[in-house]
């Protein structure tokens, strides 16, 4: 705290100042090493999270595409004609509005009677 420096010579004060500077330099180097290490760890975590986010985005896109294909298949088969199939994309979800119509009877063949 400097309270007992009254009796020191200029040479002793210079030595004390040099010791303080060396100690302070060591503390700063250690602090810099710790911060650099922490920055590296956080950077690695950020990269892993980014890769995980990219993979999850791919999965969401793949599932979305599969859903669109399933809806198309579901409403173009089984003799049901679809009147309206609206797929509105936005970044958060897909909104689908479906409406069914009755099957067209001409699509079904009836076996001739009495041929059994």
C-alpha atoms as a PDB file:
ATOM      1  CA  UNK A   1       0.000   0.000   0.000  1.00  0.00           C
ATOM      2  CA  UNK A   2       3.075   2.249   0.098  1.00  0.00           C
ATOM      3  CA  UNK A   3       2.852   3.032   3.804  1.00  0.00           C
ATOM      4  CA  UNK A   4       6.332   1.672   4.643  1.00  0.00           C
ATOM      5  CA  UNK A   5       8.223   3.207   1.717  1.00  0.00           C
ATOM      6  CA  UNK A   6       9.537   6.255   3.598  1.00  0.00           C
ATOM      7  CA  UNK A   7      12.872   4.699   4.570  1.00  0.00           C
ATOM      8  CA  UNK A   8      13.708   3.199   1.134  1.00  0.00           C
ATOM      9  CA  UNK A   9      16.399   4.596  -1.131  1.00  0.00           C
ATOM     10  CA  UNK A  10      15.797   5.449  -4.789  1.00  0.00           C
ATOM     11  CA  UNK A  11      17.616   2.262  -5.815  1.00  0.00           C
ATOM     12  CA  UNK A  12      15.389   0.125  -3.573  1.00  0.00           C
ATOM     13  CA  UNK A  13      12.283   1.852  -4.897  1.00  0.00           C
ATOM     14  CA  UNK A  14      13.419   1.122  -8.488  1.00  0.00           C
ATOM     15  CA  UNK A  15      13.940  -2.558  -7.604  1.00  0.00           C
ATOM     16  CA  UNK A  16      10.504  -2.702  -5.979  1.00  0.00           C
ATOM     17  CA  UNK A  17       8.948  -1.075  -9.048  1.00  0.00           C
ATOM     18  CA  UNK A  18      10.665  -3.627 -11.338  1.00  0.00           C
ATOM     19  CA  UNK A  19       9.414  -6.516  -9.187  1.00  0.00           C
ATOM     20  CA  UNK A  20       5.859  -5.133  -9.352  1.00  0.00           C
ATOM     21  CA  UNK A  21       6.077  -4.743 -13.138  1.00  0.00           C
ATOM     22  CA  UNK A  22       7.381  -8.314 -13.548  1.00  0.00           C
ATOM     23  CA  UNK A  23       4.615  -9.665 -11.285  1.00  0.00           C
ATOM     24  CA  UNK A  24       1.985  -7.621 -13.094  1.00  0.00           C
ATOM     25  CA  UNK A  25       3.275  -8.860 -16.466  1.00  0.00           C
ATOM     26  CA  UNK A  26       2.991 -12.460 -15.223  1.00  0.00           C
ATOM     27  CA  UNK A  27      -0.573 -11.901 -14.015  1.00  0.00           C
ATOM     28  CA  UNK A  28      -1.542 -10.307 -17.342  1.00  0.00           C
ATOM     29  CA  UNK A  29       0.024 -13.182 -19.312  1.00  0.00           C
ATOM     30  CA  UNK A  30      -1.839 -15.753 -17.196  1.00  0.00           C
ATOM     31  CA  UNK A  31      -5.098 -13.845 -17.623  1.00  0.00           C
ATOM     32  CA  UNK A  32      -4.537 -13.609 -21.387  1.00  0.00           C
ATOM     33  CA  UNK A  33      -3.857 -17.359 -21.573  1.00  0.00           C
ATOM     34  CA  UNK A  34      -7.029 -18.139 -19.638  1.00  0.00           C
ATOM     35  CA  UNK A  35      -9.151 -15.830 -21.809  1.00  0.00           C
ATOM     36  CA  UNK A  36      -7.619 -17.223 -25.005  1.00  0.00           C
ATOM     37  CA  UNK A  37      -8.371 -20.769 -23.846  1.00  0.00           C
ATOM     38  CA  UNK A  38     -11.946 -19.817 -22.951  1.00  0.00           C
ATOM     39  CA  UNK A  39     -12.411 -18.130 -26.357  1.00  0.00           C
ATOM     40  CA  UNK A  40     -11.155 -21.277 -28.098  1.00  0.00           C
ATOM     41  CA  UNK A  41     -13.564 -23.489 -26.122  1.00  0.00           C
ATOM     42  CA  UNK A  42     -16.503 -21.177 -26.875  1.00  0.00           C
ATOM     43  CA  UNK A  43     -15.557 -21.083 -30.535  1.00  0.00           C
ATOM     44  CA  UNK A  44     -15.533 -24.895 -30.662  1.00  0.00           C
ATOM     45  CA  UNK A  45     -18.929 -25.011 -28.939  1.00  0.00           C
ATOM     46  CA  UNK A  46     -20.272 -22.455 -31.413  1.00  0.00           C
ATOM     47  CA  UNK A  47     -19.044 -24.537 -34.348  1.00  0.00           C
ATOM     48  CA  UNK A  48     -20.643 -27.702 -32.929  1.00  0.00           C
ATOM     49  CA  UNK A  49     -23.934 -25.896 -32.332  1.00  0.00           C
ATOM     50  CA  UNK A  50     -23.807 -24.474 -35.858  1.00  0.00           C
ATOM     51  CA  UNK A  51     -23.264 -27.951 -37.334  1.00  0.00           C
ATOM     52  CA  UNK A  52     -26.109 -29.320 -35.226  1.00  0.00           C
ATOM     53  CA  UNK A  53     -28.342 -26.472 -36.386  1.00  0.00           C
ATOM     54  CA  UNK A  54     -27.494 -27.157 -40.040  1.00  0.00           C
ATOM     55  CA  UNK A  55     -28.271 -30.851 -39.577  1.00  0.00           C
ATOM     56  CA  UNK A  56     -31.577 -30.107 -37.848  1.00  0.00           C
ATOM     57  CA  UNK A  57     -32.500 -27.675 -40.625  1.00  0.00           C
ATOM     58  CA  UNK A  58     -31.811 -30.380 -43.197  1.00  0.00           C
ATOM     59  CA  UNK A  59     -33.986 -32.845 -41.280  1.00  0.00           C
ATOM     60  CA  UNK A  60     -36.830 -30.321 -41.060  1.00  0.00           C
ATOM     61  CA  UNK A  61     -36.564 -29.612 -44.780  1.00  0.00           C
ATOM     62  CA  UNK A  62     -36.491 -33.334 -45.584  1.00  0.00           C
ATOM     63  CA  UNK A  63     -39.541 -33.999 -43.403  1.00  0.00           C
ATOM     64  CA  UNK A  64     -41.337 -31.055 -44.978  1.00  0.00           C
ATOM     65  CA  UNK A  65     -40.613 -32.402 -48.457  1.00  0.00           C
ATOM     66  CA  UNK A  66     -41.769 -35.896 -47.441  1.00  0.00           C
ATOM     67  CA  UNK A  67     -44.999 -34.412 -46.050  1.00  0.00           C
ATOM     68  CA  UNK A  68     -45.655 -32.512 -49.270  1.00  0.00           C
ATOM     69  CA  UNK A  69     -45.084 -35.691 -51.293  1.00  0.00           C
ATOM     70  CA  UNK A  70     -47.349 -37.716 -48.980  1.00  0.00           C
ATOM     71  CA  UNK A  71     -50.131 -35.144 -49.288  1.00  0.00           C
ATOM     72  CA  UNK A  72     -49.795 -35.186 -53.062  1.00  0.00           C
ATOM     73  CA  UNK A  73     -49.972 -38.989 -53.102  1.00  0.00           C
ATOM     74  CA  UNK A  74     -52.881 -39.097 -50.674  1.00  0.00           C
ATOM     75  CA  UNK A  75     -55.017 -36.765 -52.732  1.00  0.00           C
ATOM     76  CA  UNK A  76     -54.224 -38.094 -56.195  1.00  0.00           C
ATOM     77  CA  UNK A  77     -54.929 -41.797 -55.442  1.00  0.00           C
ATOM     78  CA  UNK A  78     -57.852 -43.925 -54.244  1.00  0.00           C
ATOM     79  CA  UNK A  79     -60.282 -42.452 -56.763  1.00  0.00           C
ATOM     80  CA  UNK A  80     -60.616 -39.180 -54.850  1.00  0.00           C
ATOM     81  CA  UNK A  81     -60.170 -36.055 -56.852  1.00  0.00           C
ATOM     82  CA  UNK A  82     -58.845 -33.175 -54.898  1.00  0.00           C
ATOM     83  CA  UNK A  83     -60.417 -29.812 -55.334  1.00  0.00           C
ATOM     84  CA  UNK A  84     -57.949 -27.767 -53.428  1.00  0.00           C
ATOM     85  CA  UNK A  85     -54.480 -28.430 -52.073  1.00  0.00           C
ATOM     86  CA  UNK A  86     -52.759 -25.308 -50.864  1.00  0.00           C
ATOM     87  CA  UNK A  87     -49.280 -25.454 -49.443  1.00  0.00           C
ATOM     88  CA  UNK A  88     -48.172 -22.080 -48.137  1.00  0.00           C
ATOM     89  CA  UNK A  89     -44.530 -22.015 -47.112  1.00  0.00           C
ATOM     90  CA  UNK A  90     -43.182 -19.722 -44.511  1.00  0.00           C
ATOM     91  CA  UNK A  91     -40.081 -20.158 -42.406  1.00  0.00           C
ATOM     92  CA  UNK A  92     -41.774 -21.476 -39.292  1.00  0.00           C
ATOM     93  CA  UNK A  93     -44.355 -24.024 -40.517  1.00  0.00           C
ATOM     94  CA  UNK A  94     -46.413 -25.247 -43.418  1.00  0.00           C
ATOM     95  CA  UNK A  95     -50.105 -24.503 -43.607  1.00  0.00           C
ATOM     96  CA  UNK A  96     -52.150 -27.004 -45.552  1.00  0.00           C
ATOM     97  CA  UNK A  97     -55.816 -26.604 -46.398  1.00  0.00           C
ATOM     98  CA  UNK A  98     -57.472 -29.695 -47.872  1.00  0.00           C
ATOM     99  CA  UNK A  99     -60.910 -30.375 -49.219  1.00  0.00           C
ATOM    100  CA  UNK A 100     -62.234 -33.770 -50.328  1.00  0.00           C
ATOM    101  CA  UNK A 101     -64.737 -34.515 -53.060  1.00  0.00           C
ATOM    102  CA  UNK A 102     -66.758 -37.654 -53.712  1.00  0.00           C
ATOM    103  CA  UNK A 103     -65.146 -40.309 -55.936  1.00  0.00           C
ATOM    104  CA  UNK A 104     -66.208 -40.428 -59.546  1.00  0.00           C
ATOM    105  CA  UNK A 105     -68.120 -43.720 -60.050  1.00  0.00           C
ATOM    106  CA  UNK A 106     -66.853 -44.097 -63.597  1.00  0.00           C
ATOM    107  CA  UNK A 107     -63.414 -44.836 -62.137  1.00  0.00           C
ATOM    108  CA  UNK A 108     -64.678 -48.130 -60.715  1.00  0.00           C
ATOM    109  CA  UNK A 109     -65.343 -51.123 -62.923  1.00  0.00           C
ATOM    110  CA  UNK A 110     -68.155 -53.420 -61.874  1.00  0.00           C
ATOM    111  CA  UNK A 111     -67.825 -57.075 -62.814  1.00  0.00           C
ATOM    112  CA  UNK A 112     -70.534 -58.366 -65.171  1.00  0.00           C
ATOM    113  CA  UNK A 113     -73.329 -60.220 -63.384  1.00  0.00           C
ATOM    114  CA  UNK A 114     -73.932 -63.864 -63.880  1.00  0.00           C
ATOM    115  CA  UNK A 115     -70.414 -64.691 -65.038  1.00  0.00           C
ATOM    116  CA  UNK A 116     -69.622 -66.649 -61.881  1.00  0.00           C
END
